[in-house]
């Protein structure tokens, strides 16, 4: 892991912005990170924990996956991600599909609907309860038009190490009821969470340089200051490694004139490929 960590740090250092990551080798049960414990804007990666809190509420009987949820016009206002901002207000879909759209298209109409049912003020406590000590949820969705130089505390924050912890718990919870209980869930619901993560539509980060068809159960994020992704990469149907990686202070335009977000994609894609090549 020391050689891999050095290689990944070299990749990150080759870009004029901050890249932080945490990787867990699932075959050898070994981990490495670069500033993985530093809180930074989470963007939509935080939705993994929102999904698990929602599934915990389902497990507890407070919510049902078939609960009808109305797509209200008020939730479509000032939303910059997902598809339901464009849909006809008043359509009704089950909570299960709301959670799916929150995850696989990062739909913020659906995110607000889920958080309103959970109580957004409960999310940080939920994360603390499962060991995510560096994660703080703030508000329903990030304010539209927030400046590039906004402080981290203006939005939800997390650490790469917290995201690896969470994904590891979900993965182990699919087979271990005691681990699922730590999430407030069940193995069946953890398996549903894994399925939803594997249905991710936005694949321009961790999966971008992996062989075509590689299974990755992940959630991407797009923040004003950078891009991020956290996921489980599979090889031959078996989990190979967990990676959480995020870029920060990414300039809108790189020195070569290309957009900064493209370099952000490249940084995380190369880090994921480095893990793939070293850990298979």
Protein backbone atom coordinates (compact mmCIF):
# COMPACT_ATOMS: atom_id res chain seq x y z
CA UNK A 1 0.00 0.00 0.00
CA UNK A 2 2.94 2.34 0.55
CA UNK A 3 3.94 2.10 -3.10
CA UNK A 4 0.33 2.65 -4.21
CA UNK A 5 -0.08 5.60 -1.84
CA UNK A 6 3.05 7.23 -3.24
CA UNK A 7 1.80 6.68 -6.80
CA UNK A 8 -1.62 8.17 -6.05
CA UNK A 9 -0.12 11.18 -4.32
CA UNK A 10 2.06 11.81 -7.35
CA UNK A 11 -1.05 11.80 -9.54
CA UNK A 12 -2.81 14.28 -7.30
CA UNK A 13 0.23 16.52 -7.02
CA UNK A 14 0.47 16.78 -10.80
CA UNK A 15 -2.59 19.07 -10.85
CA UNK A 16 -2.74 22.68 -9.61
CA UNK A 17 -5.53 21.97 -7.14
CA UNK A 18 -6.09 19.86 -4.04
CA UNK A 19 -6.82 16.15 -4.41
CA UNK A 20 -7.61 14.07 -1.34
CA UNK A 21 -8.39 10.36 -1.25
CA UNK A 22 -8.78 7.24 0.87
CA UNK A 23 -8.55 3.70 -0.52
CA UNK A 24 -9.28 0.35 1.12
CA UNK A 25 -7.96 -2.85 -0.43
CA UNK A 26 -10.76 -5.33 0.27
CA UNK A 27 -8.75 -8.45 -0.59
CA UNK A 28 -5.90 -7.68 1.78
CA UNK A 29 -7.83 -5.54 4.29
CA UNK A 30 -5.31 -2.72 3.98
CA UNK A 31 -5.91 1.03 3.75
CA UNK A 32 -4.09 4.21 2.77
CA UNK A 33 -5.11 7.82 2.44
CA UNK A 34 -3.86 11.29 1.63
CA UNK A 35 -5.52 13.88 3.88
CA UNK A 36 -8.47 11.53 4.04
CA UNK A 37 -9.50 12.91 7.41
CA UNK A 38 -9.71 16.55 6.29
CA UNK A 39 -13.32 17.86 6.09
CA UNK A 40 -14.20 19.38 2.74
CA UNK A 41 -17.37 20.14 0.75
CA UNK A 42 -19.24 16.90 0.19
CA UNK A 43 -21.59 17.97 -2.60
CA UNK A 44 -23.85 15.07 -3.57
CA UNK A 45 -21.62 12.36 -2.13
CA UNK A 46 -23.47 13.10 1.12
CA UNK A 47 -26.51 11.46 -0.45
CA UNK A 48 -25.09 8.03 0.37
CA UNK A 49 -25.69 8.74 4.05
CA UNK A 50 -29.09 10.32 3.28
CA UNK A 51 -30.10 7.12 1.47
CA UNK A 52 -28.97 5.00 4.41
CA UNK A 53 -30.82 7.20 6.91
CA UNK A 54 -33.96 6.85 4.77
CA UNK A 55 -33.56 3.08 4.65
CA UNK A 56 -33.04 3.08 8.43
CA UNK A 57 -36.37 4.92 8.76
CA UNK A 58 -37.95 2.26 6.53
CA UNK A 59 -36.45 -0.49 8.69
CA UNK A 60 -37.82 1.22 11.80
CA UNK A 61 -41.28 1.53 10.25
CA UNK A 62 -41.32 5.33 10.13
CA UNK A 63 -41.35 5.33 6.32
CA UNK A 64 -42.37 2.84 3.64
CA UNK A 65 -40.71 2.35 0.28
CA UNK A 66 -44.13 2.51 -1.37
CA UNK A 67 -45.13 5.78 0.34
CA UNK A 68 -46.44 8.16 -2.36
CA UNK A 69 -44.36 11.30 -2.83
CA UNK A 70 -45.66 14.27 -4.80
CA UNK A 71 -43.22 16.20 -6.96
CA UNK A 72 -44.14 19.69 -5.81
CA UNK A 73 -43.41 22.88 -7.71
CA UNK A 74 -41.85 24.46 -4.62
CA UNK A 75 -39.19 21.73 -4.59
CA UNK A 76 -38.27 22.45 -8.22
CA UNK A 77 -37.24 26.03 -7.51
CA UNK A 78 -33.49 26.81 -7.66
CA UNK A 79 -32.53 23.19 -8.36
CA UNK A 80 -29.49 22.61 -10.56
CA UNK A 81 -29.27 18.82 -10.79
CA UNK A 82 -31.42 15.86 -11.74
CA UNK A 83 -34.41 15.49 -14.02
CA UNK A 84 -37.47 16.13 -11.85
CA UNK A 85 -36.92 19.89 -11.97
CA UNK A 86 -38.24 19.60 -15.54
CA UNK A 87 -41.20 17.32 -14.82
CA UNK A 88 -44.83 18.40 -14.52
CA UNK A 89 -45.55 19.36 -10.91
CA UNK A 90 -48.01 17.11 -9.17
CA UNK A 91 -46.75 13.77 -10.46
CA UNK A 92 -46.53 11.13 -7.74
CA UNK A 93 -43.89 8.42 -7.41
CA UNK A 94 -43.10 5.96 -4.60
CA UNK A 95 -40.42 6.80 -2.03
CA UNK A 96 -38.27 4.01 -3.43
CA UNK A 97 -38.07 5.77 -6.78
CA UNK A 98 -37.42 9.10 -5.09
CA UNK A 99 -34.39 7.57 -3.37
CA UNK A 100 -33.23 5.97 -6.63
CA UNK A 101 -33.42 9.28 -8.51
CA UNK A 102 -31.67 11.12 -5.67
CA UNK A 103 -28.78 8.69 -6.11
CA UNK A 104 -28.44 7.78 -9.78
CA UNK A 105 -29.16 11.19 -11.34
CA UNK A 106 -28.34 13.21 -8.20
CA UNK A 107 -31.84 14.69 -8.35
CA UNK A 108 -32.18 17.53 -5.84
CA UNK A 109 -35.96 17.73 -6.06
CA UNK A 110 -35.95 14.16 -4.76
CA UNK A 111 -33.21 14.95 -2.23
CA UNK A 112 -35.33 17.65 -0.65
CA UNK A 113 -38.34 15.34 -0.53
CA UNK A 114 -36.32 12.69 1.30
CA UNK A 115 -34.72 15.14 3.72
CA UNK A 116 -38.05 16.76 4.58
CA UNK A 117 -39.34 13.35 5.63
CA UNK A 118 -36.24 12.57 7.67
CA UNK A 119 -35.71 16.03 9.13
CA UNK A 120 -32.48 17.55 7.76
CA UNK A 121 -31.34 18.38 11.29
CA UNK A 122 -31.17 14.65 12.07
CA UNK A 123 -28.58 13.77 9.46
CA UNK A 124 -25.39 14.81 11.26
CA UNK A 125 -26.43 12.84 14.33
CA UNK A 126 -27.13 9.81 12.14
CA UNK A 127 -23.64 10.03 10.66
CA UNK A 128 -22.03 10.49 14.07
CA UNK A 129 -23.89 7.44 15.31
CA UNK A 130 -22.28 5.18 12.72
CA UNK A 131 -18.80 6.62 13.21
CA UNK A 132 -18.61 9.36 10.56
CA UNK A 133 -17.02 11.89 12.87
CA UNK A 134 -15.90 14.31 10.14
CA UNK A 135 -19.27 14.69 8.40
CA UNK A 136 -21.71 17.59 8.89
CA UNK A 137 -24.95 17.97 6.96
CA UNK A 138 -26.19 21.50 6.47
CA UNK A 139 -29.52 22.45 4.93
CA UNK A 140 -31.54 20.74 2.22
CA UNK A 141 -29.43 21.53 -0.86
CA UNK A 142 -26.54 23.94 -1.50
CA UNK A 143 -27.68 27.51 -2.21
CA UNK A 144 -27.79 28.25 -5.92
CA UNK A 145 -25.13 30.72 -7.04
CA UNK A 146 -22.77 30.15 -4.12
CA UNK A 147 -19.32 31.61 -4.80
CA UNK A 148 -16.29 29.58 -5.82
CA UNK A 149 -14.43 30.79 -2.75
CA UNK A 150 -17.15 29.86 -0.27
CA UNK A 151 -15.98 28.49 3.11
CA UNK A 152 -16.54 24.75 3.66
CA UNK A 153 -19.00 25.40 6.49
CA UNK A 154 -21.36 27.15 4.05
CA UNK A 155 -22.30 23.70 2.72
CA UNK A 156 -22.36 20.08 3.88
CA UNK A 157 -18.90 18.66 4.55
CA UNK A 158 -17.40 15.20 4.85
CA UNK A 159 -14.07 13.39 4.75
CA UNK A 160 -12.88 10.75 2.33
CA UNK A 161 -12.24 8.43 5.26
CA UNK A 162 -15.85 8.81 6.41
CA UNK A 163 -17.12 7.85 2.97
CA UNK A 164 -14.93 4.73 2.86
CA UNK A 165 -16.21 3.78 6.32
CA UNK A 166 -19.82 4.19 5.22
CA UNK A 167 -19.41 2.19 2.02
CA UNK A 168 -17.57 -0.55 3.90
CA UNK A 169 -20.44 -0.79 6.38
CA UNK A 170 -23.01 -0.99 3.57
CA UNK A 171 -21.02 -3.71 1.81
CA UNK A 172 -20.52 -5.78 4.96
CA UNK A 173 -24.10 -5.13 5.99
CA UNK A 174 -25.37 -6.99 2.93
CA UNK A 175 -24.32 -10.24 4.61
CA UNK A 176 -23.89 -9.39 8.30
CA UNK A 177 -27.01 -8.43 10.25
CA UNK A 178 -24.93 -6.98 13.10
CA UNK A 179 -23.18 -4.57 10.72
CA UNK A 180 -26.50 -3.67 9.07
CA UNK A 181 -27.88 -2.94 12.53
CA UNK A 182 -25.10 -0.39 13.06
CA UNK A 183 -26.58 1.45 10.08
CA UNK A 184 -30.06 1.07 11.56
CA UNK A 185 -30.85 -1.24 8.68
CA UNK A 186 -31.09 -4.87 7.56
CA UNK A 187 -29.08 -7.01 5.11
CA UNK A 188 -31.98 -6.82 2.64
CA UNK A 189 -32.00 -3.01 2.71
CA UNK A 190 -28.20 -2.88 2.49
CA UNK A 191 -28.44 -5.02 -0.63
CA UNK A 192 -30.99 -2.57 -2.05
CA UNK A 193 -28.56 0.26 -1.30
CA UNK A 194 -25.79 -1.59 -3.13
CA UNK A 195 -28.05 -2.12 -6.12
CA UNK A 196 -28.97 1.58 -6.21
CA UNK A 197 -25.31 2.62 -5.99
CA UNK A 198 -24.49 0.29 -8.89
CA UNK A 199 -27.21 1.92 -11.04
CA UNK A 200 -25.32 5.24 -11.04
CA UNK A 201 -25.75 7.08 -14.36
CA UNK A 202 -22.96 9.65 -13.87
CA UNK A 203 -19.78 7.67 -14.55
CA UNK A 204 -17.18 10.30 -15.48
CA UNK A 205 -15.09 9.96 -12.29
CA UNK A 206 -14.08 6.65 -10.66
CA UNK A 207 -15.30 4.44 -13.57
CA UNK A 208 -13.96 6.68 -16.34
CA UNK A 209 -10.64 4.87 -16.95
CA UNK A 210 -11.63 1.40 -15.79
CA UNK A 211 -12.33 -1.40 -18.31
CA UNK A 212 -15.69 -1.10 -20.02
CA UNK A 213 -18.42 -2.79 -18.02
CA UNK A 214 -16.57 -2.70 -14.69
CA UNK A 215 -19.12 -2.73 -11.89
CA UNK A 216 -18.80 0.32 -9.65
CA UNK A 217 -21.29 1.03 -6.87
CA UNK A 218 -20.77 4.74 -6.30
CA UNK A 219 -22.09 8.26 -5.85
CA UNK A 220 -20.59 11.28 -7.56
CA UNK A 221 -20.63 14.88 -6.43
CA UNK A 222 -20.38 18.25 -8.17
CA UNK A 223 -19.45 21.16 -5.95
CA UNK A 224 -18.66 24.77 -6.75
CA UNK A 225 -15.04 24.17 -5.75
CA UNK A 226 -14.49 20.70 -7.15
CA UNK A 227 -15.69 17.21 -8.01
CA UNK A 228 -15.84 14.08 -5.89
CA UNK A 229 -16.77 10.41 -6.01
CA UNK A 230 -16.99 7.55 -3.54
CA UNK A 231 -17.56 3.95 -4.54
CA UNK A 232 -16.86 0.25 -4.43
CA UNK A 233 -15.07 -1.20 -7.46
CA UNK A 234 -15.68 -4.84 -8.35
CA UNK A 235 -13.55 -7.32 -10.28
CA UNK A 236 -15.11 -10.51 -11.58
CA UNK A 237 -18.21 -9.93 -9.50
CA UNK A 238 -16.29 -9.57 -6.24
CA UNK A 239 -15.51 -6.28 -4.44
CA UNK A 240 -11.91 -5.25 -5.07
CA UNK A 241 -11.46 -1.88 -3.39
CA UNK A 242 -13.31 1.08 -1.94
CA UNK A 243 -12.20 4.53 -3.03
CA UNK A 244 -13.31 7.99 -2.00
CA UNK A 245 -11.60 10.86 -3.81
CA UNK A 246 -12.30 14.56 -4.05
CA UNK A 247 -10.78 17.61 -5.64
CA UNK A 248 -10.95 21.10 -4.16
CA UNK A 249 -10.11 24.63 -5.25
CA UNK A 250 -10.31 23.56 -8.88
CA UNK A 251 -9.97 26.65 -11.14
CA UNK A 252 -12.65 27.27 -13.72
CA UNK A 253 -9.97 27.35 -16.42
CA UNK A 254 -6.68 25.46 -16.37
CA UNK A 255 -3.38 27.04 -17.53
CA UNK A 256 -3.79 25.27 -20.90
CA UNK A 257 -7.20 26.89 -21.38
CA UNK A 258 -9.24 23.74 -20.79
CA UNK A 259 -11.99 23.69 -18.15
CA UNK A 260 -10.97 22.80 -14.64
CA UNK A 261 -13.73 20.25 -14.17
CA UNK A 262 -12.22 18.10 -16.93
CA UNK A 263 -8.90 18.03 -15.07
CA UNK A 264 -10.81 17.12 -11.92
CA UNK A 265 -12.38 14.17 -13.74
CA UNK A 266 -8.93 13.13 -14.97
CA UNK A 267 -7.35 13.31 -11.53
CA UNK A 268 -9.92 11.05 -9.89
CA UNK A 269 -10.11 8.75 -12.91
CA UNK A 270 -6.33 8.26 -12.88
CA UNK A 271 -6.35 7.60 -9.13
CA UNK A 272 -9.03 4.93 -9.58
CA UNK A 273 -7.07 3.37 -12.41
CA UNK A 274 -3.94 3.37 -10.27
CA UNK A 275 -5.83 1.44 -7.61
CA UNK A 276 -7.18 -0.99 -10.21
CA UNK A 277 -3.75 -1.72 -11.65
CA UNK A 278 -2.10 -2.17 -8.25
CA UNK A 279 -4.76 -4.15 -6.39
CA UNK A 280 -5.95 -6.73 -8.93
